[in-house]
Structures are given as C-alpha cells and as structure tokens.
Amino acid sequence: MTSKRKKDCRETNGNSNIIRFFEIIFVTRRLPVMNDPTLQDAMSVGIGKVAQIMENGVYEPLPGTFLKKISPELNAQIESSDLIISKRGETMIR
C-alpha cells in the first residue's frame, strides 16, 4: 500500500467515531484505483470493527463509481438504503 493510500485509510478510520451510531456498509474498490482503499486496506485499519465492508464489484480500474458496473449485492444495498454518504458523491455515475 502506498503512503498516500495509507494516509487516506487513516482519514477513513478517523470517521469511525461517527459511524458507530448507524448500520454502516463501507464500500471499497475491488481493484486499487488511484488512492482509494481496497477491502484489504479497510480491514488493515480496523473499519471492519465498526462497519460491514463490501467491495464495489467493479472489475476494471475505473475512477469514479459507475453504478451500472457495481455488483448486484451492492446495488441491492444502495436501493434499500435510507441514506448514502459518499466521499466524492459527484463521481457516482448512473
């Protein structure tokens, strides 16, 4: 893991105080893309202690989140959610 990705994971881990009060699904990249965390990165900083972790299911190293490419399991979670918080929500592309 690069030092930039480690920094981003630490920032992500810093949010764990907030997410303890909610049922949270933390979505990671399936493949390393830029500095976004993978499942292994999220587990290594302890996100699994406070949230369920799911990979996005995208098998291509694409920037942004292309909703047409995510896994059916993640799509079902998104569709049934009351609230979605995205680090860079403008990158969610239908």
C-alpha atoms as a PDB file:
ATOM      1  CA  MET A   1       0.000   0.000   0.000  1.00  0.00           C
ATOM      2  CA  THR A   2       1.400   3.421  -0.940  1.00  0.00           C
ATOM      3  CA  SER A   3       1.909   6.101   1.702  1.00  0.00           C
ATOM      4  CA  LYS A   4      -0.866   8.204   0.097  1.00  0.00           C
ATOM      5  CA  ARG A   5      -3.319   5.293   0.348  1.00  0.00           C
ATOM      6  CA  LYS A   6      -2.232   4.704   3.960  1.00  0.00           C
ATOM      7  CA  LYS A   7      -2.960   8.370   4.709  1.00  0.00           C
ATOM      8  CA  ASP A   8      -6.406   8.100   3.125  1.00  0.00           C
ATOM      9  CA  CYS A   9      -7.141   4.935   5.104  1.00  0.00           C
ATOM     10  CA  ARG A  10      -6.161   6.715   8.312  1.00  0.00           C
ATOM     11  CA  GLU A  11      -8.540   9.553   7.395  1.00  0.00           C
ATOM     12  CA  THR A  12     -11.238   6.962   6.747  1.00  0.00           C
ATOM     13  CA  ASN A  13     -10.532   5.318  10.081  1.00  0.00           C
ATOM     14  CA  GLY A  14     -10.881   8.714  11.767  1.00  0.00           C
ATOM     15  CA  ASN A  15     -14.538   8.690  10.751  1.00  0.00           C
ATOM     16  CA  SER A  16     -15.177   5.561  12.809  1.00  0.00           C
ATOM     17  CA  ASN A  17     -16.375   7.604  15.805  1.00  0.00           C
ATOM     18  CA  ILE A  18     -19.260   8.901  13.704  1.00  0.00           C
ATOM     19  CA  ILE A  19     -20.316   5.621  12.126  1.00  0.00           C
ATOM     20  CA  ARG A  20     -20.714   3.697  15.382  1.00  0.00           C
ATOM     21  CA  PHE A  21     -24.267   5.022  15.744  1.00  0.00           C
ATOM     22  CA  PHE A  22     -25.509   3.749  12.396  1.00  0.00           C
ATOM     23  CA  GLU A  23     -25.727   0.485  10.492  1.00  0.00           C
ATOM     24  CA  ILE A  24     -22.970   1.168   8.008  1.00  0.00           C
ATOM     25  CA  ILE A  25     -21.788  -0.566   4.893  1.00  0.00           C
ATOM     26  CA  PHE A  26     -18.364   0.710   3.919  1.00  0.00           C
ATOM     27  CA  VAL A  27     -17.748   0.212   0.189  1.00  0.00           C
ATOM     28  CA  THR A  28     -14.244  -0.258  -1.144  1.00  0.00           C
ATOM     29  CA  ARG A  29     -12.730  -0.733  -4.558  1.00  0.00           C
ATOM     30  CA  ARG A  30     -12.296  -4.250  -5.846  1.00  0.00           C
ATOM     31  CA  LEU A  31      -9.062  -3.166  -7.551  1.00  0.00           C
ATOM     32  CA  PRO A  32      -6.603  -0.482  -6.450  1.00  0.00           C
ATOM     33  CA  VAL A  33      -7.505   2.750  -8.260  1.00  0.00           C
ATOM     34  CA  MET A  34      -5.594   5.935  -7.526  1.00  0.00           C
ATOM     35  CA  ASN A  35      -5.618   6.296  -3.729  1.00  0.00           C
ATOM     36  CA  ASP A  36      -8.979   4.689  -2.907  1.00  0.00           C
ATOM     37  CA  PRO A  37      -8.939   1.878  -0.339  1.00  0.00           C
ATOM     38  CA  THR A  38      -9.451  -1.769  -1.201  1.00  0.00           C
ATOM     39  CA  LEU A  39     -11.089  -4.330   1.077  1.00  0.00           C
ATOM     40  CA  GLN A  40      -7.673  -5.295   2.439  1.00  0.00           C
ATOM     41  CA  ASP A  41      -6.813  -1.640   3.145  1.00  0.00           C
ATOM     42  CA  ALA A  42     -10.054  -1.062   5.043  1.00  0.00           C
ATOM     43  CA  MET A  43      -9.587  -4.231   7.081  1.00  0.00           C
ATOM     44  CA  SER A  44      -5.992  -3.292   7.925  1.00  0.00           C
ATOM     45  CA  VAL A  45      -7.085  -0.033   9.599  1.00  0.00           C
ATOM     46  CA  GLY A  46      -9.970  -1.598  11.538  1.00  0.00           C
ATOM     47  CA  ILE A  47     -13.023  -0.446   9.573  1.00  0.00           C
ATOM     48  CA  GLY A  48     -14.411  -3.983   9.893  1.00  0.00           C
ATOM     49  CA  LYS A  49     -14.765  -3.408  13.652  1.00  0.00           C
ATOM     50  CA  VAL A  50     -17.347  -0.646  13.149  1.00  0.00           C
ATOM     51  CA  ALA A  51     -18.894  -1.337   9.748  1.00  0.00           C
ATOM     52  CA  GLN A  52     -19.666  -4.089   7.284  1.00  0.00           C
ATOM     53  CA  ILE A  53     -17.234  -3.866   4.368  1.00  0.00           C
ATOM     54  CA  MET A  54     -18.255  -4.632   0.783  1.00  0.00           C
ATOM     55  CA  GLU A  55     -16.289  -4.380  -2.424  1.00  0.00           C
ATOM     56  CA  ASN A  56     -17.916  -2.436  -5.250  1.00  0.00           C
ATOM     57  CA  GLY A  57     -17.660  -5.416  -7.599  1.00  0.00           C
ATOM     58  CA  VAL A  58     -16.160  -3.414 -10.468  1.00  0.00           C
ATOM     59  CA  TYR A  59     -13.508  -5.491 -12.238  1.00  0.00           C
ATOM     60  CA  GLU A  60     -11.942  -2.543 -14.074  1.00  0.00           C
ATOM     61  CA  PRO A  61      -9.604   0.139 -12.696  1.00  0.00           C
ATOM     62  CA  LEU A  62     -12.054   2.992 -13.351  1.00  0.00           C
ATOM     63  CA  PRO A  63     -12.099   6.294 -11.475  1.00  0.00           C
ATOM     64  CA  GLY A  64     -15.478   7.169 -10.011  1.00  0.00           C
ATOM     65  CA  THR A  65     -18.294   4.754  -9.283  1.00  0.00           C
ATOM     66  CA  PHE A  66     -20.191   3.579 -12.331  1.00  0.00           C
ATOM     67  CA  LEU A  67     -23.422   2.273 -10.837  1.00  0.00           C
ATOM     68  CA  LYS A  68     -24.139   0.142 -13.910  1.00  0.00           C
ATOM     69  CA  LYS A  69     -20.958  -1.822 -13.164  1.00  0.00           C
ATOM     70  CA  ILE A  70     -21.356  -2.471  -9.426  1.00  0.00           C
ATOM     71  CA  SER A  71     -22.243  -5.883  -8.066  1.00  0.00           C
ATOM     72  CA  PRO A  72     -25.927  -6.858  -7.745  1.00  0.00           C
ATOM     73  CA  GLU A  73     -25.405  -7.255  -3.980  1.00  0.00           C
ATOM     74  CA  LEU A  74     -24.123  -3.694  -3.615  1.00  0.00           C
ATOM     75  CA  ASN A  75     -26.863  -2.371  -5.884  1.00  0.00           C
ATOM     76  CA  ALA A  76     -29.491  -4.001  -3.642  1.00  0.00           C
ATOM     77  CA  GLN A  77     -27.897  -2.404  -0.574  1.00  0.00           C
ATOM     78  CA  ILE A  78     -27.898   1.019  -2.232  1.00  0.00           C
ATOM     79  CA  GLU A  79     -31.523   0.692  -3.358  1.00  0.00           C
ATOM     80  CA  SER A  80     -32.668  -0.261   0.156  1.00  0.00           C
ATOM     81  CA  SER A  81     -30.668   2.446   1.965  1.00  0.00           C
ATOM     82  CA  ASP A  82     -32.270   5.412   3.674  1.00  0.00           C
ATOM     83  CA  LEU A  83     -29.101   7.482   3.432  1.00  0.00           C
ATOM     84  CA  ILE A  84     -25.975   7.294   1.293  1.00  0.00           C
ATOM     85  CA  ILE A  85     -22.871   9.264   2.194  1.00  0.00           C
ATOM     86  CA  SER A  86     -20.199   9.326  -0.470  1.00  0.00           C
ATOM     87  CA  LYS A  87     -16.725  10.781  -0.117  1.00  0.00           C
ATOM     88  CA  ARG A  88     -16.968  12.126  -3.650  1.00  0.00           C
ATOM     89  CA  GLY A  89     -20.647  11.670  -4.430  1.00  0.00           C
ATOM     90  CA  GLU A  90     -20.426  13.530  -7.705  1.00  0.00           C
ATOM     91  CA  THR A  91     -18.439  10.604  -9.076  1.00  0.00           C
ATOM     92  CA  MET A  92     -21.392   8.208  -8.790  1.00  0.00           C
ATOM     93  CA  ILE A  93     -22.430   7.795 -12.402  1.00  0.00           C
ATOM     94  CA  ARG A  94     -25.656   6.067 -13.471  1.00  0.00           C
END
